[in-house]
Amino acid sequence: MRVLRLLVAYDGTRFCGFQRQENGPTIQAAIEDALQPFTTRPVFGAGRTDAGVHALGQVASVECGTDHSVAVIRRALNVKLDRDIRVLEVVDAADGFNARFDAVGKTYRYRIATEEVVSPFAHRYLWQVAHPLDVAAMQTATSGLLGTHNFAVFMSSGSDVLDTVRTVDRADLRVRGDELVFEVHGNGFLRHMVRAIVGTLVEVGAGRRAPSSIAELIESRDRGQAGDTAPAQGLTLVSVDYR
């Protein structure tokens, strides 16, 4: 058996997330169905992106016994897959490689629209915030996210994760045209963690929370103290790191 490593991009608007489930279409199910001519083994994704979340650089792995070239496999997958899912690359990985368990870091990006009118070609990929935001205050607040902390305050209920300690080594907010773009890199993220962070930063920008309060908020470990979970459509998994 060989292990294939897939680089996948997708528009998550019409999907119920990456992980296969019974109540709707998922990215994992679509890829596994497209792989049927080559393998019936399960596909493992680096991140379980939620319903409506997008990806530019999701990584997946699957065991496969076929002798077909990676070029043939990639071409066959893209023929069968929904146009909202594209396999950008297929390569042979080292024996035992698992896209989920071997990942050592991820980068996520969240887009916020700051204008009153949003292009119909963009609204599926960002969160429109109609009121003014103090960008400088939000940028100051991001510094409180850096380091190794217990990020339980930003984890939604329903997760079976026991260890909520994660390391965030980069978090920045920048202005790009009429958008705010928040980008964060860390060794792992909890359920809805990035979206909860963004919801909290927007409260800072709206003046409802002090920029200096982030450290105290993290220390509380109380999800009820943080901001609302930002809408899914603004979030994109940009890339996944491996050793």
Protein backbone atom coordinates (compact mmCIF):
# COMPACT_ATOMS: atom_id res chain seq x y z
CA MET A 1 0.00 0.00 0.00
CA ARG A 2 1.20 3.50 -0.80
CA VAL A 3 0.10 6.68 0.95
CA LEU A 4 -1.14 9.57 -1.17
CA ARG A 5 -0.99 13.16 0.03
CA LEU A 6 -3.58 15.49 -1.50
CA LEU A 7 -3.58 19.28 -1.52
CA VAL A 8 -7.20 20.38 -1.70
CA ALA A 9 -8.98 23.71 -2.16
CA TYR A 10 -12.71 24.17 -1.78
CA ASP A 11 -15.57 26.60 -1.47
CA GLY A 12 -17.34 25.33 1.63
CA THR A 13 -20.59 27.26 1.10
CA ARG A 14 -22.72 24.26 0.11
CA PHE A 15 -20.99 21.68 2.32
CA CYS A 16 -21.52 20.57 5.92
CA GLY A 17 -17.81 20.78 6.65
CA PHE A 18 -14.92 18.46 5.88
CA GLN A 19 -15.79 15.43 8.01
CA ARG A 20 -18.25 12.87 6.63
CA GLN A 21 -21.69 12.94 8.29
CA GLU A 22 -25.20 11.77 7.61
CA ASN A 23 -27.07 15.06 7.38
CA GLY A 24 -25.52 16.56 4.27
CA PRO A 25 -22.69 16.69 1.72
CA THR A 26 -19.13 16.92 3.03
CA ILE A 27 -15.68 17.34 1.50
CA GLN A 28 -14.41 14.03 2.90
CA ALA A 29 -17.34 12.08 1.47
CA ALA A 30 -16.92 13.72 -1.94
CA ILE A 31 -13.22 12.84 -2.10
CA GLU A 32 -13.76 9.30 -0.87
CA ASP A 33 -16.48 8.75 -3.47
CA ALA A 34 -14.23 10.10 -6.22
CA LEU A 35 -11.41 7.80 -5.09
CA GLN A 36 -13.57 4.67 -5.40
CA PRO A 37 -11.81 3.41 -8.57
CA PHE A 38 -8.47 3.54 -6.76
CA THR A 39 -9.16 2.78 -3.10
CA THR A 40 -11.91 2.34 -0.53
CA ARG A 41 -9.73 3.39 2.39
CA PRO A 42 -10.83 6.40 4.49
CA VAL A 43 -9.49 9.87 3.74
CA PHE A 44 -7.94 11.82 6.62
CA GLY A 45 -8.02 15.62 6.53
CA ALA A 46 -5.61 17.89 8.38
CA GLY A 47 -8.44 20.06 9.69
CA ARG A 48 -12.12 19.37 10.30
CA THR A 49 -13.35 22.62 8.80
CA ASP A 50 -16.93 23.43 9.76
CA ALA A 51 -19.96 23.94 7.55
CA GLY A 52 -19.45 26.98 5.34
CA VAL A 53 -15.71 27.25 5.98
CA HIS A 54 -13.39 27.34 2.96
CA ALA A 55 -9.89 26.05 2.23
CA LEU A 56 -7.04 27.13 0.01
CA GLY A 57 -4.59 24.54 1.29
CA GLN A 58 -6.33 21.67 3.06
CA VAL A 59 -4.17 18.53 3.18
CA ALA A 60 -5.60 15.01 3.08
CA SER A 61 -4.06 11.55 3.07
CA VAL A 62 -5.27 8.13 2.01
CA GLU A 63 -3.81 4.65 1.64
CA CYS A 64 -4.02 3.33 -1.88
CA GLY A 65 -2.97 0.11 -3.63
CA THR A 66 -3.23 1.35 -7.23
CA ASP A 67 -0.25 1.58 -9.59
CA HIS A 68 -1.67 4.57 -11.41
CA SER A 69 0.52 7.67 -11.51
CA VAL A 70 -0.28 10.62 -9.26
CA ALA A 71 -1.02 12.69 -12.37
CA VAL A 72 -3.67 10.21 -13.49
CA ILE A 73 -5.21 10.09 -10.02
CA ARG A 74 -5.36 13.88 -9.74
CA ARG A 75 -6.96 14.21 -13.16
CA ALA A 76 -9.54 11.50 -12.39
CA LEU A 77 -10.46 13.10 -9.07
CA ASN A 78 -11.06 16.52 -10.58
CA VAL A 79 -13.23 15.00 -13.31
CA LYS A 80 -15.50 13.39 -10.71
CA LEU A 81 -15.50 16.02 -7.99
CA ASP A 82 -17.95 18.88 -7.63
CA ARG A 83 -16.54 22.05 -9.20
CA ASP A 84 -16.42 23.63 -5.75
CA ILE A 85 -13.71 21.12 -4.78
CA ARG A 86 -10.36 20.96 -6.58
CA VAL A 87 -7.45 18.64 -5.91
CA LEU A 88 -4.47 20.85 -6.64
CA GLU A 89 -1.78 18.25 -6.11
CA VAL A 90 -1.34 14.52 -5.49
CA VAL A 91 2.03 13.19 -4.34
CA ASP A 92 3.34 9.98 -2.82
CA ALA A 93 3.95 10.48 0.90
CA ALA A 94 6.17 8.60 3.31
CA ASP A 95 4.85 5.33 4.72
CA GLY A 96 2.62 5.97 7.69
CA PHE A 97 1.95 9.63 6.84
CA ASN A 98 -1.36 10.90 8.24
CA ALA A 99 -2.52 14.38 7.27
CA ARG A 100 -4.31 14.92 10.55
CA PHE A 101 -1.94 13.47 13.14
CA ASP A 102 1.32 14.58 11.48
CA ALA A 103 0.30 18.24 11.14
CA VAL A 104 2.40 20.57 13.31
CA GLY A 105 0.82 23.91 12.42
CA LYS A 106 -2.00 25.62 10.54
CA THR A 107 -2.70 29.08 9.16
CA TYR A 108 -6.24 30.46 9.09
CA ARG A 109 -7.49 33.69 7.53
CA TYR A 110 -10.68 35.58 8.34
CA ARG A 111 -12.07 38.41 6.21
CA ILE A 112 -14.32 41.20 7.46
CA ALA A 113 -16.06 43.68 5.16
CA THR A 114 -16.18 47.22 6.49
CA GLU A 115 -18.22 48.85 3.72
CA GLU A 116 -21.99 49.31 3.62
CA VAL A 117 -22.25 47.58 0.25
CA VAL A 118 -20.51 44.28 -0.45
CA SER A 119 -19.92 42.86 -3.92
CA PRO A 120 -22.21 39.93 -4.80
CA PHE A 121 -19.03 38.09 -5.80
CA ALA A 122 -17.53 38.39 -2.30
CA HIS A 123 -20.32 38.00 0.25
CA ARG A 124 -19.85 34.22 0.52
CA TYR A 125 -16.28 34.68 1.72
CA LEU A 126 -16.44 37.39 4.37
CA TRP A 127 -18.41 38.79 7.28
CA GLN A 128 -20.01 42.18 6.70
CA VAL A 129 -19.85 44.35 9.84
CA ALA A 130 -21.99 47.40 9.26
CA HIS A 131 -20.77 49.60 12.11
CA PRO A 132 -17.36 51.39 12.37
CA LEU A 133 -14.47 49.47 13.94
CA ASP A 134 -11.39 50.79 15.73
CA VAL A 135 -8.73 48.92 13.78
CA ALA A 136 -5.84 50.12 15.97
CA ALA A 137 -7.58 48.76 19.08
CA MET A 138 -8.17 45.41 17.38
CA GLN A 139 -4.53 45.24 16.30
CA THR A 140 -3.42 45.91 19.87
CA ALA A 141 -5.71 43.17 21.15
CA THR A 142 -4.18 40.53 18.86
CA SER A 143 -0.90 40.68 20.80
CA GLY A 144 -2.69 39.14 23.79
CA LEU A 145 -3.24 35.98 21.77
CA LEU A 146 0.44 35.21 21.27
CA GLY A 147 2.14 32.45 23.20
CA THR A 148 1.12 29.16 24.76
CA HIS A 149 -2.17 29.39 26.64
CA ASN A 150 -5.21 27.42 27.64
CA PHE A 151 -7.62 28.69 24.97
CA ALA A 152 -10.76 27.06 26.42
CA VAL A 153 -12.40 30.50 26.48
CA PHE A 154 -12.57 30.38 22.67
CA MET A 155 -13.78 26.77 22.31
CA SER A 156 -17.41 26.05 21.53
CA SER A 157 -19.31 23.34 23.38
CA GLY A 158 -19.67 19.94 21.78
CA SER A 159 -15.96 19.24 21.44
CA ASP A 160 -14.44 16.07 22.90
CA VAL A 161 -10.98 17.63 23.17
CA LEU A 162 -9.52 17.33 26.67
CA ASP A 163 -6.28 19.30 26.22
CA THR A 164 -7.17 22.91 25.38
CA VAL A 165 -3.62 24.28 25.52
CA ARG A 166 -2.40 25.61 22.18
CA THR A 167 0.42 27.84 20.94
CA VAL A 168 -0.26 30.85 18.73
CA ASP A 169 2.96 32.25 17.27
CA ARG A 170 1.50 34.74 14.80
CA ALA A 171 -1.67 36.81 14.89
CA ASP A 172 -2.10 39.95 12.86
CA LEU A 173 -4.88 42.16 11.57
CA ARG A 174 -4.34 44.32 8.52
CA VAL A 175 -6.39 46.61 6.31
CA ARG A 176 -6.72 45.47 2.72
CA GLY A 177 -8.82 47.87 0.67
CA ASP A 178 -12.28 47.94 2.23
CA GLU A 179 -11.63 44.76 4.22
CA LEU A 180 -9.99 43.75 7.47
CA VAL A 181 -7.99 40.55 7.18
CA PHE A 182 -7.13 38.61 10.34
CA GLU A 183 -4.52 35.88 9.95
CA VAL A 184 -3.38 33.51 12.67
CA HIS A 185 -0.86 30.68 12.81
CA GLY A 186 -0.53 28.11 15.57
CA ASN A 187 0.22 24.50 16.33
CA GLY A 188 -3.48 23.66 16.48
CA PHE A 189 -6.92 25.18 16.96
CA LEU A 190 -9.95 24.24 19.03
CA ARG A 191 -13.53 23.96 17.78
CA HIS A 192 -14.63 27.39 16.50
CA MET A 193 -11.54 28.94 18.12
CA VAL A 194 -10.61 31.31 15.29
CA ARG A 195 -14.21 32.41 14.79
CA ALA A 196 -14.62 33.08 18.53
CA ILE A 197 -11.41 35.12 18.50
CA VAL A 198 -12.68 37.18 15.57
CA GLY A 199 -16.03 37.75 17.28
CA THR A 200 -14.15 39.00 20.35
CA LEU A 201 -11.88 41.28 18.29
CA VAL A 202 -14.92 42.85 16.64
CA GLU A 203 -16.26 43.65 20.12
CA VAL A 204 -12.93 45.36 20.82
CA GLY A 205 -13.23 47.31 17.58
CA ALA A 206 -16.76 48.35 18.47
CA GLY A 207 -15.58 49.71 21.82
CA ARG A 208 -17.41 47.11 23.91
CA ARG A 209 -14.23 45.52 25.19
CA ALA A 210 -10.78 46.94 26.07
CA PRO A 211 -7.81 45.80 23.93
CA SER A 212 -5.93 44.92 27.12
CA SER A 213 -8.67 42.54 28.29
CA ILE A 214 -7.63 39.60 26.11
CA ALA A 215 -5.09 38.19 28.58
CA GLU A 216 -7.59 38.31 31.44
CA LEU A 217 -10.24 36.80 29.19
CA ILE A 218 -8.01 33.84 28.31
CA GLU A 219 -7.23 33.31 31.98
CA SER A 220 -10.95 33.04 32.77
CA ARG A 221 -11.39 29.97 30.51
CA ASP A 222 -15.10 30.84 30.42
CA ARG A 223 -16.58 30.73 26.91
CA GLY A 224 -19.45 32.90 28.07
CA GLN A 225 -17.04 35.78 28.71
CA ALA A 226 -15.74 35.92 25.11
CA GLY A 227 -17.43 37.38 22.06
CA ASP A 228 -19.92 35.68 19.76
CA THR A 229 -18.71 33.12 17.23
CA ALA A 230 -18.15 34.92 13.92
CA PRO A 231 -19.99 33.56 10.84
CA ALA A 232 -18.38 30.59 9.12
CA GLN A 233 -18.19 32.04 5.61
CA GLY A 234 -15.42 34.51 6.50
CA LEU A 235 -12.98 31.75 7.50
CA THR A 236 -10.47 29.99 5.24
CA LEU A 237 -7.89 27.33 6.04
CA VAL A 238 -4.87 28.74 4.21
CA SER A 239 -2.17 26.13 4.77
CA VAL A 240 -0.98 23.23 6.93
CA ASP A 241 2.57 22.67 8.16
CA TYR A 242 4.44 19.38 8.43
CA ARG A 243 7.94 18.55 9.60
